[in-house]
Amino acid sequence: MAKRRIILAGGSGFLGRALAERLVLQGDEVVVLTRRPDLARQGYREVHWDGRTLGAWADEFEGAHAVVNFAGKNVNCRYTPEALAEINASRVDSVKVVAEAIQRCAVPPKAWVQTGSMAIYGDAGDRLCGDDAPPGEGIPVDTCLRWEQAFAESPTPGVRRVWLRISFVLGRSAGALRFLETLTKCFLGGTVGSGRQYISWIHEQDMIEVFRRSVDDPGMQGTYNVATPNAVPNAVLMRELRRVLRRPWCPPTPAWLMPLGCWLFRTEPVLALTGRRGVPERLLAEGFRFAHPELPGALDDLYRRDAR
């Protein structure tokens, strides 16, 4: 039986590598599209693309089982006009060129899974945000709207399409948790701002299972919130992180001090001071079961696993 080929566009980051390794373990052929391919990579192939224009990489789409598009500049940066233009273009352009590659196939991929962000709901306060909740306001929301519009306006007839609005993915190898871990180990892991802003989150293992299901389940189609049902306030997240790292109470960082701290770390206060309470209504209705639904248990698993 021939291996299924699965394309991970922009898949050289934290989530892409984790998914690639899982797919290889189950016997799939994985092709990662990246600007800086590692030709010595073991287990799967990396192929050059620029995320904007068609090239030889598009031949990989012919007869593939699925494509998952991760591409997009990291939003953890200063929001200069140049950076914002790059953030938006990296998302919109990659969606458009993936659609072009699919459209030119005689035998297109069966599914296109596109990563998005739960930031589309903006600073939602205590409001529960289901899959059909309206967008919020602000710069991250504007980016998400451009991103989702590009997907909606890029037709690929006959291809099942899934849009995943992803929350804060808890993983030790990279991402925001690694940054928070470093701060907490340095006794800077206090509440940020009011501490009441909700953090929607998901354990990396559950995230990979959502990807696998999106690739394989013909019943999955449309937009999904990807988070556990149990969002927590920032104060709870930081408390639990201090617990697993065995650090004492730390003084909070007031909102008025955040601009200075963010200037030092070359990021934006909006990323820490805003939040949302995402609810995975469609995932739950379709029978998805979270292996790590509660934050204390999820963090315990990550840090115990790392210690082993």
Protein backbone atom coordinates (compact mmCIF):
# COMPACT_ATOMS: atom_id res chain seq x y z
CA MET A 1 0.00 0.00 0.00
CA ALA A 2 1.44 3.37 -1.07
CA LYS A 3 2.19 5.93 1.60
CA ARG A 4 -0.09 8.94 1.81
CA ARG A 5 1.71 12.19 1.02
CA ILE A 6 0.86 15.07 3.36
CA ILE A 7 2.17 18.57 2.68
CA LEU A 8 2.97 20.87 5.61
CA ALA A 9 3.32 24.37 4.15
CA GLY A 10 5.37 26.63 6.40
CA GLY A 11 5.72 23.60 8.65
CA SER A 12 9.23 24.19 10.01
CA GLY A 13 8.05 25.70 13.30
CA PHE A 14 7.03 24.21 16.65
CA LEU A 15 3.66 22.79 15.57
CA GLY A 16 4.72 21.78 12.08
CA ARG A 17 7.65 19.71 13.31
CA ALA A 18 5.54 18.04 16.00
CA LEU A 19 2.90 17.08 13.44
CA ALA A 20 5.50 15.92 10.91
CA GLU A 21 7.07 13.58 13.45
CA ARG A 22 3.67 12.14 14.40
CA LEU A 23 2.65 11.57 10.78
CA VAL A 24 5.95 9.87 9.97
CA LEU A 25 5.46 7.53 12.93
CA GLN A 26 2.11 6.43 11.54
CA GLY A 27 3.65 5.70 8.15
CA ASP A 28 2.85 8.79 6.08
CA GLU A 29 5.15 10.53 3.62
CA VAL A 30 5.61 14.10 4.84
CA VAL A 31 6.82 17.05 2.78
CA VAL A 32 7.55 20.31 4.62
CA LEU A 33 7.61 23.52 2.57
CA THR A 34 10.03 26.01 4.10
CA ARG A 35 12.18 28.99 3.15
CA ARG A 36 15.28 27.30 4.59
CA PRO A 37 15.10 23.56 3.86
CA ASP A 38 17.35 21.16 5.73
CA LEU A 39 18.34 18.69 3.04
CA ALA A 40 19.80 16.35 5.66
CA ARG A 41 16.55 16.13 7.61
CA GLN A 42 15.75 12.55 8.63
CA GLY A 43 12.25 11.08 8.42
CA TYR A 44 10.68 13.59 6.03
CA ARG A 45 11.62 15.88 3.16
CA GLU A 46 11.95 19.65 3.29
CA VAL A 47 11.38 21.56 0.05
CA HIS A 48 12.03 25.23 -0.66
CA TRP A 49 9.19 27.70 -1.17
CA ASP A 50 8.83 31.44 -0.55
CA GLY A 51 5.19 31.38 0.56
CA ARG A 52 4.21 33.80 -2.21
CA THR A 53 4.88 32.46 -5.68
CA LEU A 54 4.37 29.16 -7.47
CA GLY A 55 7.47 27.06 -7.98
CA ALA A 56 8.66 23.48 -8.30
CA TRP A 57 7.29 22.86 -4.79
CA ALA A 58 3.76 22.92 -6.21
CA ASP A 59 4.38 19.58 -7.96
CA GLU A 60 4.23 17.94 -4.52
CA PHE A 61 0.51 18.72 -4.34
CA GLU A 62 -0.38 16.42 -7.23
CA GLY A 63 -2.15 13.38 -5.78
CA ALA A 64 -1.33 14.32 -2.19
CA HIS A 65 -3.66 13.23 0.59
CA ALA A 66 -3.83 16.62 2.30
CA VAL A 67 -2.13 19.97 2.80
CA VAL A 68 -1.85 21.76 6.14
CA ASN A 69 -0.82 25.42 5.90
CA PHE A 70 1.01 26.85 8.93
CA ALA A 71 2.63 29.81 7.16
CA GLY A 72 2.69 33.23 8.81
CA LYS A 73 5.21 35.59 10.41
CA ASN A 74 5.37 35.33 14.20
CA VAL A 75 3.15 37.99 15.80
CA ASN A 76 5.42 38.19 18.86
CA CYS A 77 7.16 41.36 17.69
CA ARG A 78 6.86 45.15 17.72
CA TYR A 79 3.91 46.27 15.59
CA THR A 80 5.73 48.70 13.35
CA PRO A 81 4.05 49.48 10.01
CA GLU A 82 6.65 47.29 8.29
CA ALA A 83 6.13 44.37 10.69
CA LEU A 84 2.34 44.57 10.39
CA ALA A 85 2.57 44.60 6.61
CA GLU A 86 4.76 41.49 6.74
CA ILE A 87 2.46 39.75 9.26
CA ASN A 88 -0.57 40.31 7.02
CA ALA A 89 1.17 39.53 3.72
CA SER A 90 2.74 36.31 5.01
CA ARG A 91 -0.70 34.98 5.86
CA VAL A 92 -2.72 36.23 2.91
CA ASP A 93 -0.07 35.43 0.29
CA SER A 94 0.49 31.88 1.54
CA VAL A 95 -3.24 31.14 1.47
CA LYS A 96 -3.52 32.44 -2.09
CA VAL A 97 -0.53 30.50 -3.40
CA VAL A 98 -1.63 27.25 -1.72
CA ALA A 99 -4.98 27.68 -3.48
CA GLU A 100 -3.18 28.24 -6.80
CA ALA A 101 -1.13 25.07 -6.30
CA ILE A 102 -4.29 23.06 -5.56
CA GLN A 103 -6.17 24.53 -8.54
CA ARG A 104 -3.48 23.42 -11.01
CA CYS A 105 -3.64 19.77 -9.88
CA ALA A 106 -5.20 17.09 -12.05
CA VAL A 107 -5.67 15.10 -8.82
CA PRO A 108 -5.83 17.67 -6.01
CA PRO A 109 -5.37 16.93 -2.31
CA LYS A 110 -8.47 15.59 -0.61
CA ALA A 111 -8.28 18.16 2.20
CA TRP A 112 -6.87 21.63 2.90
CA VAL A 113 -6.42 22.34 6.60
CA GLN A 114 -5.62 25.99 7.30
CA THR A 115 -4.34 27.33 10.62
CA GLY A 116 -5.87 30.54 11.93
CA SER A 117 -6.10 32.25 15.30
CA MET A 118 -8.61 32.67 18.08
CA ALA A 119 -7.36 36.26 18.32
CA ILE A 120 -10.18 37.07 15.89
CA TYR A 121 -12.46 37.47 18.93
CA GLY A 122 -10.35 40.32 20.26
CA ASP A 123 -10.37 41.24 23.94
CA ALA A 124 -13.63 39.47 24.75
CA GLY A 125 -13.64 39.74 28.54
CA ASP A 126 -15.86 37.14 30.21
CA ARG A 127 -17.92 36.50 27.07
CA LEU A 128 -17.98 32.90 25.87
CA CYS A 129 -16.79 32.75 22.25
CA GLY A 130 -18.20 29.82 20.32
CA ASP A 131 -17.28 28.97 16.74
CA ASP A 132 -19.83 31.47 15.40
CA ALA A 133 -19.00 34.35 17.77
CA PRO A 134 -18.54 37.75 16.07
CA PRO A 135 -15.07 39.21 15.63
CA GLY A 136 -13.72 41.78 18.05
CA GLU A 137 -11.69 44.91 17.36
CA GLY A 138 -8.01 45.80 17.18
CA ILE A 139 -4.88 45.04 15.18
CA PRO A 140 -4.79 41.25 15.75
CA VAL A 141 -8.47 41.06 14.76
CA ASP A 142 -7.79 42.96 11.53
CA THR A 143 -5.04 40.48 10.67
CA CYS A 144 -7.35 37.52 11.32
CA LEU A 145 -10.12 39.00 9.20
CA ARG A 146 -7.76 39.51 6.25
CA TRP A 147 -6.50 35.95 6.69
CA GLU A 148 -9.95 34.36 6.78
CA GLN A 149 -11.18 36.48 3.88
CA ALA A 150 -8.28 35.30 1.73
CA PHE A 151 -9.23 31.69 2.49
CA ALA A 152 -12.91 32.31 1.71
CA GLU A 153 -12.00 33.99 -1.60
CA SER A 154 -9.66 31.19 -2.74
CA PRO A 155 -11.96 28.46 -4.10
CA THR A 156 -10.73 24.90 -4.47
CA PRO A 157 -13.72 22.90 -5.77
CA GLY A 158 -13.90 19.30 -4.61
CA VAL A 159 -11.40 19.81 -1.78
CA ARG A 160 -12.60 19.52 1.80
CA ARG A 161 -11.58 22.69 3.67
CA VAL A 162 -11.03 23.15 7.41
CA TRP A 163 -10.18 26.42 9.19
CA LEU A 164 -8.69 25.98 12.67
CA ARG A 165 -8.84 28.96 15.03
CA ILE A 166 -5.97 27.95 17.29
CA SER A 167 -5.47 29.10 20.89
CA PHE A 168 -2.36 29.13 23.13
CA VAL A 169 -0.67 25.77 22.51
CA LEU A 170 1.12 24.42 25.58
CA GLY A 171 4.41 22.80 24.60
CA ARG A 172 7.88 22.75 26.14
CA SER A 173 10.03 22.89 23.02
CA ALA A 174 9.08 26.36 21.79
CA GLY A 175 6.32 28.93 21.71
CA ALA A 176 4.86 31.22 24.34
CA LEU A 177 5.01 28.68 27.18
CA ARG A 178 8.78 28.47 26.84
CA PHE A 179 9.02 32.26 27.22
CA LEU A 180 6.74 32.26 30.26
CA GLU A 181 8.73 29.40 31.76
CA THR A 182 11.93 31.43 31.45
CA LEU A 183 10.33 34.44 33.14
CA THR A 184 8.92 32.30 35.93
CA LYS A 185 12.24 30.57 36.59
CA CYS A 186 13.73 34.08 36.98
CA PHE A 187 11.07 34.90 39.60
CA LEU A 188 9.16 37.13 37.14
CA GLY A 189 6.14 34.86 36.83
CA GLY A 190 3.55 37.09 38.43
CA THR A 191 0.07 38.05 37.26
CA VAL A 192 0.05 40.32 34.22
CA GLY A 193 -2.17 43.40 34.32
CA SER A 194 -5.48 42.71 36.05
CA GLY A 195 -4.94 38.95 35.74
CA ARG A 196 -8.59 38.58 34.73
CA GLN A 197 -7.98 38.30 30.98
CA TYR A 198 -8.91 34.79 29.86
CA ILE A 199 -6.36 32.50 28.22
CA SER A 200 -7.76 29.85 25.89
CA TRP A 201 -5.29 26.99 25.64
CA ILE A 202 -4.66 23.43 24.43
CA HIS A 203 -2.02 20.80 25.22
CA GLU A 204 0.30 20.08 22.28
CA GLN A 205 -0.76 16.42 22.15
CA ASP A 206 -4.42 17.39 21.82
CA MET A 207 -3.45 19.94 19.16
CA ILE A 208 -1.73 17.24 17.11
CA GLU A 209 -4.80 15.02 17.42
CA VAL A 210 -6.98 17.86 16.10
CA PHE A 211 -4.65 18.18 13.11
CA ARG A 212 -4.72 14.43 12.48
CA ARG A 213 -8.50 14.35 12.69
CA SER A 214 -8.78 17.37 10.37
CA VAL A 215 -6.63 15.59 7.80
CA ASP A 216 -8.48 12.27 7.99
CA ASP A 217 -12.11 12.85 8.99
CA PRO A 218 -14.30 13.52 5.91
CA GLY A 219 -16.96 14.93 8.24
CA MET A 220 -14.77 17.82 9.37
CA GLN A 221 -15.39 20.94 7.32
CA GLY A 222 -15.60 24.65 8.06
CA THR A 223 -14.42 26.67 11.06
CA TYR A 224 -13.42 25.22 14.43
CA ASN A 225 -12.27 26.75 17.70
CA VAL A 226 -9.25 24.76 18.86
CA ALA A 227 -8.97 25.05 22.64
CA THR A 228 -10.07 23.07 25.67
CA PRO A 229 -13.47 24.02 27.13
CA ASN A 230 -11.63 25.30 30.21
CA ALA A 231 -10.05 28.68 29.53
CA VAL A 232 -8.45 30.22 32.62
CA PRO A 233 -7.67 33.80 33.72
CA ASN A 234 -4.06 34.92 33.38
CA ALA A 235 -3.69 34.88 37.18
CA VAL A 236 -4.57 31.17 37.26
CA LEU A 237 -2.21 30.33 34.40
CA MET A 238 0.71 32.05 36.12
CA ARG A 239 -0.14 30.48 39.49
CA GLU A 240 -0.16 26.98 38.00
CA LEU A 241 3.07 27.63 36.13
CA ARG A 242 4.76 28.75 39.34
CA ARG A 243 3.48 25.59 41.02
CA VAL A 244 4.95 23.15 38.49
CA LEU A 245 8.22 25.12 38.37
CA ARG A 246 8.34 25.27 42.20
CA ARG A 247 8.62 29.02 42.36
CA PRO A 248 7.08 31.18 45.10
CA TRP A 249 4.55 33.93 44.68
CA CYS A 250 5.86 36.65 42.39
CA PRO A 251 4.81 40.31 42.34
CA PRO A 252 2.34 41.21 39.59
CA THR A 253 3.29 43.29 36.58
CA PRO A 254 0.83 46.22 36.45
CA ALA A 255 -0.61 47.22 33.09
CA TRP A 256 1.11 50.62 33.18
CA LEU A 257 4.51 48.89 33.34
CA MET A 258 3.85 46.54 30.41
CA PRO A 259 4.93 48.97 27.64
CA LEU A 260 8.41 49.16 29.17
CA GLY A 261 8.70 45.39 29.60
CA CYS A 262 7.41 44.78 26.08
CA TRP A 263 9.88 47.32 24.68
CA LEU A 264 12.70 45.38 26.32
CA PHE A 265 11.44 42.06 24.92
CA ARG A 266 10.54 43.62 21.54
CA THR A 267 6.89 42.62 21.68
CA GLU A 268 3.47 44.25 22.19
CA PRO A 269 1.40 44.72 25.39
CA VAL A 270 -1.79 43.68 23.59
CA LEU A 271 -0.51 40.09 23.45
CA ALA A 272 -0.41 39.86 27.25
CA LEU A 273 -3.15 42.23 28.38
CA THR A 274 -6.01 40.92 26.24
CA GLY A 275 -7.73 37.55 26.21
CA ARG A 276 -10.74 35.53 25.22
CA ARG A 277 -12.78 32.56 26.43
CA GLY A 278 -12.97 30.26 23.45
CA VAL A 279 -15.37 27.31 23.46
CA PRO A 280 -14.74 24.35 21.08
CA GLU A 281 -18.44 23.81 20.37
CA ARG A 282 -18.06 21.97 17.08
CA LEU A 283 -15.19 19.75 18.22
CA LEU A 284 -17.17 18.65 21.26
CA ALA A 285 -20.37 18.14 19.25
CA GLU A 286 -18.43 15.94 16.80
CA GLY A 287 -17.08 13.75 19.59
CA PHE A 288 -13.54 15.02 20.10
CA ARG A 289 -12.19 14.03 23.52
CA PHE A 290 -9.42 16.07 25.09
CA ALA A 291 -6.70 14.00 26.74
CA HIS A 292 -5.74 17.04 28.85
CA PRO A 293 -8.86 19.14 29.47
CA GLU A 294 -7.75 20.84 32.72
CA LEU A 295 -4.76 23.18 33.06
CA PRO A 296 -3.15 21.68 36.22
CA GLY A 297 -3.11 18.20 34.70
CA ALA A 298 -1.86 19.48 31.34
CA LEU A 299 1.09 21.29 32.93
CA ASP A 300 1.83 18.31 35.19
CA ASP A 301 2.01 16.08 32.11
CA LEU A 302 4.34 18.43 30.25
CA TYR A 303 6.78 18.92 33.09
CA ARG A 304 6.77 15.34 34.32
CA ARG A 305 7.32 14.14 30.75
CA ASP A 306 10.22 16.54 30.34
CA ALA A 307 11.80 15.30 33.58
CA ARG A 308 11.67 11.64 32.53
